[in-house]
Amino acid sequence: TLNTIPAVRLVFSGRKGNNSDINELTYVILDGTTVWYVQYTAEITEFYNLLANFESSIKTFRVVK
């Protein structure tokens, strides 16, 4: 859960263009019938340095109605 809302955390690895390896951290958040996607992307060399920042940032996610 993310702030009491059901969520799934996914990590993807891939290549952008011919020479940039990237990782992507994606949160899929279900709020009733609405699905939110929050994504963080960085080059693989920086991804793990930024991971704590990404995880702090997602904790600020709020559904406003």
PDB file of N, CA and C in Angstrom:
ATOM      1  N   THR A   1       0.842  -1.191   0.000  1.00  0.00           N
ATOM      2  CA  THR A   1       0.000   0.000   0.000  1.00  0.00           C
ATOM      3  C   THR A   1       0.882   1.248   0.000  1.00  0.00           C
ATOM      4  N   LEU A   2       0.306   2.302  -0.476  1.00  0.00           N
ATOM      5  CA  LEU A   2       0.981   3.590  -0.525  1.00  0.00           C
ATOM      6  C   LEU A   2       0.015   4.618   0.063  1.00  0.00           C
ATOM      7  N   ASN A   3       0.311   5.067   1.263  1.00  0.00           N
ATOM      8  CA  ASN A   3      -0.596   5.985   1.952  1.00  0.00           C
ATOM      9  C   ASN A   3      -2.002   5.401   2.029  1.00  0.00           C
ATOM     10  N   THR A   4      -2.100   4.154   2.375  1.00  0.00           N
ATOM     11  CA  THR A   4      -3.342   3.366   2.543  1.00  0.00           C
ATOM     12  C   THR A   4      -4.050   3.025   1.240  1.00  0.00           C
ATOM     13  N   ILE A   5      -3.464   3.336   0.089  1.00  0.00           N
ATOM     14  CA  ILE A   5      -4.064   3.004  -1.209  1.00  0.00           C
ATOM     15  C   ILE A   5      -3.304   1.812  -1.789  1.00  0.00           C
ATOM     16  N   PRO A   6      -4.015   0.787  -2.329  1.00  0.00           N
ATOM     17  CA  PRO A   6      -3.324  -0.355  -2.937  1.00  0.00           C
ATOM     18  C   PRO A   6      -2.387   0.098  -4.069  1.00  0.00           C
ATOM     19  N   ALA A   7      -1.173  -0.449  -4.082  1.00  0.00           N
ATOM     20  CA  ALA A   7      -0.191  -0.071  -5.094  1.00  0.00           C
ATOM     21  C   ALA A   7       0.721  -1.255  -5.409  1.00  0.00           C
ATOM     22  N   VAL A   8       1.313  -1.209  -6.599  1.00  0.00           N
ATOM     23  CA  VAL A   8       2.300  -2.201  -7.030  1.00  0.00           C
ATOM     24  C   VAL A   8       3.567  -1.437  -7.414  1.00  0.00           C
ATOM     25  N   ARG A   9       4.712  -1.965  -7.010  1.00  0.00           N
ATOM     26  CA  ARG A   9       6.014  -1.347  -7.311  1.00  0.00           C
ATOM     27  C   ARG A   9       6.729  -2.228  -8.319  1.00  0.00           C
ATOM     28  N   LEU A  10       7.141  -1.640  -9.454  1.00  0.00           N
ATOM     29  CA  LEU A  10       7.821  -2.375 -10.518  1.00  0.00           C
ATOM     30  C   LEU A  10       9.144  -1.706 -10.848  1.00  0.00           C
ATOM     31  N   VAL A  11      10.149  -2.500 -11.186  1.00  0.00           N
ATOM     32  CA  VAL A  11      11.431  -1.970 -11.652  1.00  0.00           C
ATOM     33  C   VAL A  11      11.724  -2.604 -13.007  1.00  0.00           C
ATOM     34  N   PHE A  12      12.016  -1.749 -13.998  1.00  0.00           N
ATOM     35  CA  PHE A  12      12.330  -2.199 -15.349  1.00  0.00           C
ATOM     36  C   PHE A  12      13.747  -1.783 -15.707  1.00  0.00           C
ATOM     37  N   SER A  13      14.407  -2.584 -16.512  1.00  0.00           N
ATOM     38  CA  SER A  13      15.715  -2.239 -17.068  1.00  0.00           C
ATOM     39  C   SER A  13      15.597  -2.265 -18.578  1.00  0.00           C
ATOM     40  N   GLY A  14      16.295  -1.354 -19.235  1.00  0.00           N
ATOM     41  CA  GLY A  14      16.225  -1.328 -20.689  1.00  0.00           C
ATOM     42  C   GLY A  14      17.318  -0.475 -21.279  1.00  0.00           C
ATOM     43  N   ARG A  15      17.204  -0.261 -22.571  1.00  0.00           N
ATOM     44  CA  ARG A  15      18.190   0.538 -23.301  1.00  0.00           C
ATOM     45  C   ARG A  15      17.460   1.616 -24.086  1.00  0.00           C
ATOM     46  N   LYS A  16      17.949   2.834 -23.965  1.00  0.00           N
ATOM     47  CA  LYS A  16      17.389   3.956 -24.704  1.00  0.00           C
ATOM     48  C   LYS A  16      18.372   4.312 -25.800  1.00  0.00           C
ATOM     49  N   GLY A  17      17.907   4.277 -27.021  1.00  0.00           N
ATOM     50  CA  GLY A  17      18.813   4.541 -28.134  1.00  0.00           C
ATOM     51  C   GLY A  17      19.820   3.411 -28.274  1.00  0.00           C
ATOM     52  N   ASN A  18      21.023   3.750 -28.668  1.00  0.00           N
ATOM     53  CA  ASN A  18      22.049   2.725 -28.890  1.00  0.00           C
ATOM     54  C   ASN A  18      23.000   2.538 -27.720  1.00  0.00           C
ATOM     55  N   ASN A  19      23.051   3.516 -26.790  1.00  0.00           N
ATOM     56  CA  ASN A  19      24.101   3.396 -25.796  1.00  0.00           C
ATOM     57  C   ASN A  19      23.725   3.851 -24.383  1.00  0.00           C
ATOM     58  N   SER A  20      22.452   4.033 -24.076  1.00  0.00           N
ATOM     59  CA  SER A  20      22.068   4.447 -22.723  1.00  0.00           C
ATOM     60  C   SER A  20      21.270   3.342 -22.044  1.00  0.00           C
ATOM     61  N   ASP A  21      21.859   2.730 -21.034  1.00  0.00           N
ATOM     62  CA  ASP A  21      21.139   1.741 -20.243  1.00  0.00           C
ATOM     63  C   ASP A  21      20.382   2.495 -19.153  1.00  0.00           C
ATOM     64  N   ILE A  22      19.093   2.189 -19.019  1.00  0.00           N
ATOM     65  CA  ILE A  22      18.263   2.893 -18.049  1.00  0.00           C
ATOM     66  C   ILE A  22      17.521   1.911 -17.155  1.00  0.00           C
ATOM     67  N   ASN A  23      17.152   2.390 -15.990  1.00  0.00           N
ATOM     68  CA  ASN A  23      16.235   1.675 -15.102  1.00  0.00           C
ATOM     69  C   ASN A  23      15.046   2.586 -14.877  1.00  0.00           C
ATOM     70  N   GLU A  24      13.902   1.969 -14.668  1.00  0.00           N
ATOM     71  CA  GLU A  24      12.691   2.723 -14.412  1.00  0.00           C
ATOM     72  C   GLU A  24      11.992   2.133 -13.209  1.00  0.00           C
ATOM     73  N   LEU A  25      11.617   2.984 -12.284  1.00  0.00           N
ATOM     74  CA  LEU A  25      10.841   2.586 -11.115  1.00  0.00           C
ATOM     75  C   LEU A  25       9.423   3.090 -11.353  1.00  0.00           C
ATOM     76  N   THR A  26       8.459   2.185 -11.363  1.00  0.00           N
ATOM     77  CA  THR A  26       7.068   2.535 -11.628  1.00  0.00           C
ATOM     78  C   THR A  26       6.190   2.077 -10.480  1.00  0.00           C
ATOM     79  N   TYR A  27       5.328   2.948 -10.049  1.00  0.00           N
ATOM     80  CA  TYR A  27       4.301   2.599  -9.069  1.00  0.00           C
ATOM     81  C   TYR A  27       2.961   2.644  -9.786  1.00  0.00           C
ATOM     82  N   VAL A  28       2.189   1.588  -9.644  1.00  0.00           N
ATOM     83  CA  VAL A  28       0.837   1.523 -10.188  1.00  0.00           C
ATOM     84  C   VAL A  28      -0.099   1.570  -8.990  1.00  0.00           C
ATOM     85  N   ILE A  29      -0.937   2.592  -8.953  1.00  0.00           N
ATOM     86  CA  ILE A  29      -1.761   2.858  -7.780  1.00  0.00           C
ATOM     87  C   ILE A  29      -3.222   2.766  -8.182  1.00  0.00           C
ATOM     88  N   LEU A  30      -3.981   1.948  -7.468  1.00  0.00           N
ATOM     89  CA  LEU A  30      -5.407   1.775  -7.745  1.00  0.00           C
ATOM     90  C   LEU A  30      -6.214   2.559  -6.724  1.00  0.00           C
ATOM     91  N   ASP A  31      -6.987   3.519  -7.220  1.00  0.00           N
ATOM     92  CA  ASP A  31      -7.862   4.328  -6.379  1.00  0.00           C
ATOM     93  C   ASP A  31      -9.288   4.148  -6.888  1.00  0.00           C
ATOM     94  N   GLY A  32     -10.000   3.176  -6.329  1.00  0.00           N
ATOM     95  CA  GLY A  32     -11.342   2.872  -6.829  1.00  0.00           C
ATOM     96  C   GLY A  32     -11.256   2.344  -8.243  1.00  0.00           C
ATOM     97  N   THR A  33     -11.809   3.084  -9.199  1.00  0.00           N
ATOM     98  CA  THR A  33     -11.745   2.669 -10.607  1.00  0.00           C
ATOM     99  C   THR A  33     -10.691   3.451 -11.385  1.00  0.00           C
ATOM    100  N   THR A  34      -9.917   4.273 -10.695  1.00  0.00           N
ATOM    101  CA  THR A  34      -8.858   5.064 -11.335  1.00  0.00           C
ATOM    102  C   THR A  34      -7.508   4.424 -11.070  1.00  0.00           C
ATOM    103  N   VAL A  35      -6.692   4.302 -12.128  1.00  0.00           N
ATOM    104  CA  VAL A  35      -5.335   3.768 -12.004  1.00  0.00           C
ATOM    105  C   VAL A  35      -4.356   4.905 -12.281  1.00  0.00           C
ATOM    106  N   TRP A  36      -3.438   5.102 -11.362  1.00  0.00           N
ATOM    107  CA  TRP A  36      -2.387   6.103 -11.490  1.00  0.00           C
ATOM    108  C   TRP A  36      -1.062   5.392 -11.742  1.00  0.00           C
ATOM    109  N   TYR A  37      -0.226   5.964 -12.610  1.00  0.00           N
ATOM    110  CA  TYR A  37       1.123   5.473 -12.847  1.00  0.00           C
ATOM    111  C   TYR A  37       2.088   6.598 -12.501  1.00  0.00           C
ATOM    112  N   VAL A  38       3.022   6.328 -11.606  1.00  0.00           N
ATOM    113  CA  VAL A  38       4.066   7.297 -11.272  1.00  0.00           C
ATOM    114  C   VAL A  38       5.388   6.636 -11.630  1.00  0.00           C
ATOM    115  N   GLN A  39       6.163   7.286 -12.504  1.00  0.00           N
ATOM    116  CA  GLN A  39       7.392   6.678 -13.000  1.00  0.00           C
ATOM    117  C   GLN A  39       8.596   7.568 -12.724  1.00  0.00           C
ATOM    118  N   TYR A  40       9.692   6.916 -12.376  1.00  0.00           N
ATOM    119  CA  TYR A  40      10.983   7.570 -12.180  1.00  0.00           C
ATOM    120  C   TYR A  40      11.983   6.836 -13.077  1.00  0.00           C
ATOM    121  N   THR A  41      12.729   7.579 -13.876  1.00  0.00           N
ATOM    122  CA  THR A  41      13.671   6.970 -14.808  1.00  0.00           C
ATOM    123  C   THR A  41      15.030   7.642 -14.676  1.00  0.00           C
ATOM    124  N   ALA A  42      16.080   6.825 -14.725  1.00  0.00           N
ATOM    125  CA  ALA A  42      17.442   7.369 -14.683  1.00  0.00           C
ATOM    126  C   ALA A  42      18.379   6.392 -15.389  1.00  0.00           C
ATOM    127  N   GLU A  43      19.508   6.921 -15.844  1.00  0.00           N
ATOM    128  CA  GLU A  43      20.532   6.034 -16.391  1.00  0.00           C
ATOM    129  C   GLU A  43      20.947   5.067 -15.302  1.00  0.00           C
ATOM    130  N   ILE A  44      21.271   3.864 -15.713  1.00  0.00           N
ATOM    131  CA  ILE A  44      21.536   2.798 -14.744  1.00  0.00           C
ATOM    132  C   ILE A  44      22.653   3.175 -13.768  1.00  0.00           C
ATOM    133  N   THR A  45      23.624   3.965 -14.211  1.00  0.00           N
ATOM    134  CA  THR A  45      24.725   4.347 -13.315  1.00  0.00           C
ATOM    135  C   THR A  45      24.254   5.292 -12.213  1.00  0.00           C
ATOM    136  N   GLU A  46      23.184   6.038 -12.445  1.00  0.00           N
ATOM    137  CA  GLU A  46      22.654   6.973 -11.458  1.00  0.00           C
ATOM    138  C   GLU A  46      21.430   6.447 -10.718  1.00  0.00           C
ATOM    139  N   PHE A  47      20.784   5.432 -11.267  1.00  0.00           N
ATOM    140  CA  PHE A  47      19.506   4.965 -10.734  1.00  0.00           C
ATOM    141  C   PHE A  47      19.583   4.621  -9.252  1.00  0.00           C
ATOM    142  N   TYR A  48      20.557   3.827  -8.878  1.00  0.00           N
ATOM    143  CA  TYR A  48      20.625   3.387  -7.477  1.00  0.00           C
ATOM    144  C   TYR A  48      21.064   4.508  -6.541  1.00  0.00           C
ATOM    145  N   ASN A  49      21.781   5.507  -7.059  1.00  0.00           N
ATOM    146  CA  ASN A  49      22.099   6.688  -6.253  1.00  0.00           C
ATOM    147  C   ASN A  49      20.844   7.521  -5.988  1.00  0.00           C
ATOM    148  N   LEU A  50      19.900   7.511  -6.930  1.00  0.00           N
ATOM    149  CA  LEU A  50      18.677   8.305  -6.827  1.00  0.00           C
ATOM    150  C   LEU A  50      17.505   7.542  -6.212  1.00  0.00           C
ATOM    151  N   LEU A  51      17.651   6.249  -6.029  1.00  0.00           N
ATOM    152  CA  LEU A  51      16.536   5.415  -5.576  1.00  0.00           C
ATOM    153  C   LEU A  51      15.924   5.907  -4.266  1.00  0.00           C
ATOM    154  N   ALA A  52      16.723   6.294  -3.307  1.00  0.00           N
ATOM    155  CA  ALA A  52      16.179   6.798  -2.033  1.00  0.00           C
ATOM    156  C   ALA A  52      15.352   8.064  -2.263  1.00  0.00           C
ATOM    157  N   ASN A  53      15.792   8.916  -3.180  1.00  0.00           N
ATOM    158  CA  ASN A  53      15.019  10.119  -3.511  1.00  0.00           C
ATOM    159  C   ASN A  53      13.688   9.756  -4.160  1.00  0.00           C
ATOM    160  N   PHE A  54      13.720   8.786  -5.076  1.00  0.00           N
ATOM    161  CA  PHE A  54      12.488   8.354  -5.731  1.00  0.00           C
ATOM    162  C   PHE A  54      11.501   7.815  -4.694  1.00  0.00           C
ATOM    163  N   GLU A  55      12.003   6.994  -3.780  1.00  0.00           N
ATOM    164  CA  GLU A  55      11.135   6.381  -2.775  1.00  0.00           C
ATOM    165  C   GLU A  55      10.605   7.418  -1.780  1.00  0.00           C
ATOM    166  N   SER A  56      11.373   8.433  -1.490  1.00  0.00           N
ATOM    167  CA  SER A  56      10.868   9.529  -0.645  1.00  0.00           C
ATOM    168  C   SER A  56       9.795  10.327  -1.385  1.00  0.00           C
ATOM    169  N   SER A  57      10.023  10.541  -2.659  1.00  0.00           N
ATOM    170  CA  SER A  57       9.078  11.305  -3.467  1.00  0.00           C
ATOM    171  C   SER A  57       7.713  10.616  -3.563  1.00  0.00           C
ATOM    172  N   ILE A  58       7.693   9.314  -3.785  1.00  0.00           N
ATOM    173  CA  ILE A  58       6.414   8.618  -3.953  1.00  0.00           C
ATOM    174  C   ILE A  58       5.588   8.663  -2.671  1.00  0.00           C
ATOM    175  N   LYS A  59       6.238   8.777  -1.548  1.00  0.00           N
ATOM    176  CA  LYS A  59       5.504   8.861  -0.284  1.00  0.00           C
ATOM    177  C   LYS A  59       4.697  10.152  -0.174  1.00  0.00           C
ATOM    178  N   THR A  60       4.987  11.129  -1.028  1.00  0.00           N
ATOM    179  CA  THR A  60       4.223  12.386  -1.036  1.00  0.00           C
ATOM    180  C   THR A  60       2.991  12.303  -1.929  1.00  0.00           C
ATOM    181  N   PHE A  61       2.804  11.191  -2.649  1.00  0.00           N
ATOM    182  CA  PHE A  61       1.663  11.047  -3.556  1.00  0.00           C
ATOM    183  C   PHE A  61       0.361  11.054  -2.768  1.00  0.00           C
ATOM    184  N   ARG A  62      -0.565  11.866  -3.197  1.00  0.00           N
ATOM    185  CA  ARG A  62      -1.891  11.933  -2.585  1.00  0.00           C
ATOM    186  C   ARG A  62      -2.937  12.039  -3.689  1.00  0.00           C
ATOM    187  N   VAL A  63      -4.034  11.346  -3.535  1.00  0.00           N
ATOM    188  CA  VAL A  63      -5.169  11.491  -4.432  1.00  0.00           C
ATOM    189  C   VAL A  63      -6.022  12.629  -3.887  1.00  0.00           C
ATOM    190  N   VAL A  64      -6.249  13.639  -4.707  1.00  0.00           N
ATOM    191  CA  VAL A  64      -7.042  14.789  -4.292  1.00  0.00           C
ATOM    192  C   VAL A  64      -8.352  14.757  -5.072  1.00  0.00           C
ATOM    193  N   LYS A  65      -9.431  14.807  -4.354  1.00  0.00           N
ATOM    194  CA  LYS A  65     -10.739  14.762  -5.018  1.00  0.00           C
ATOM    195  C   LYS A  65     -11.506  16.030  -4.780  1.00  0.00           C
TER     196      LYS A  65
END
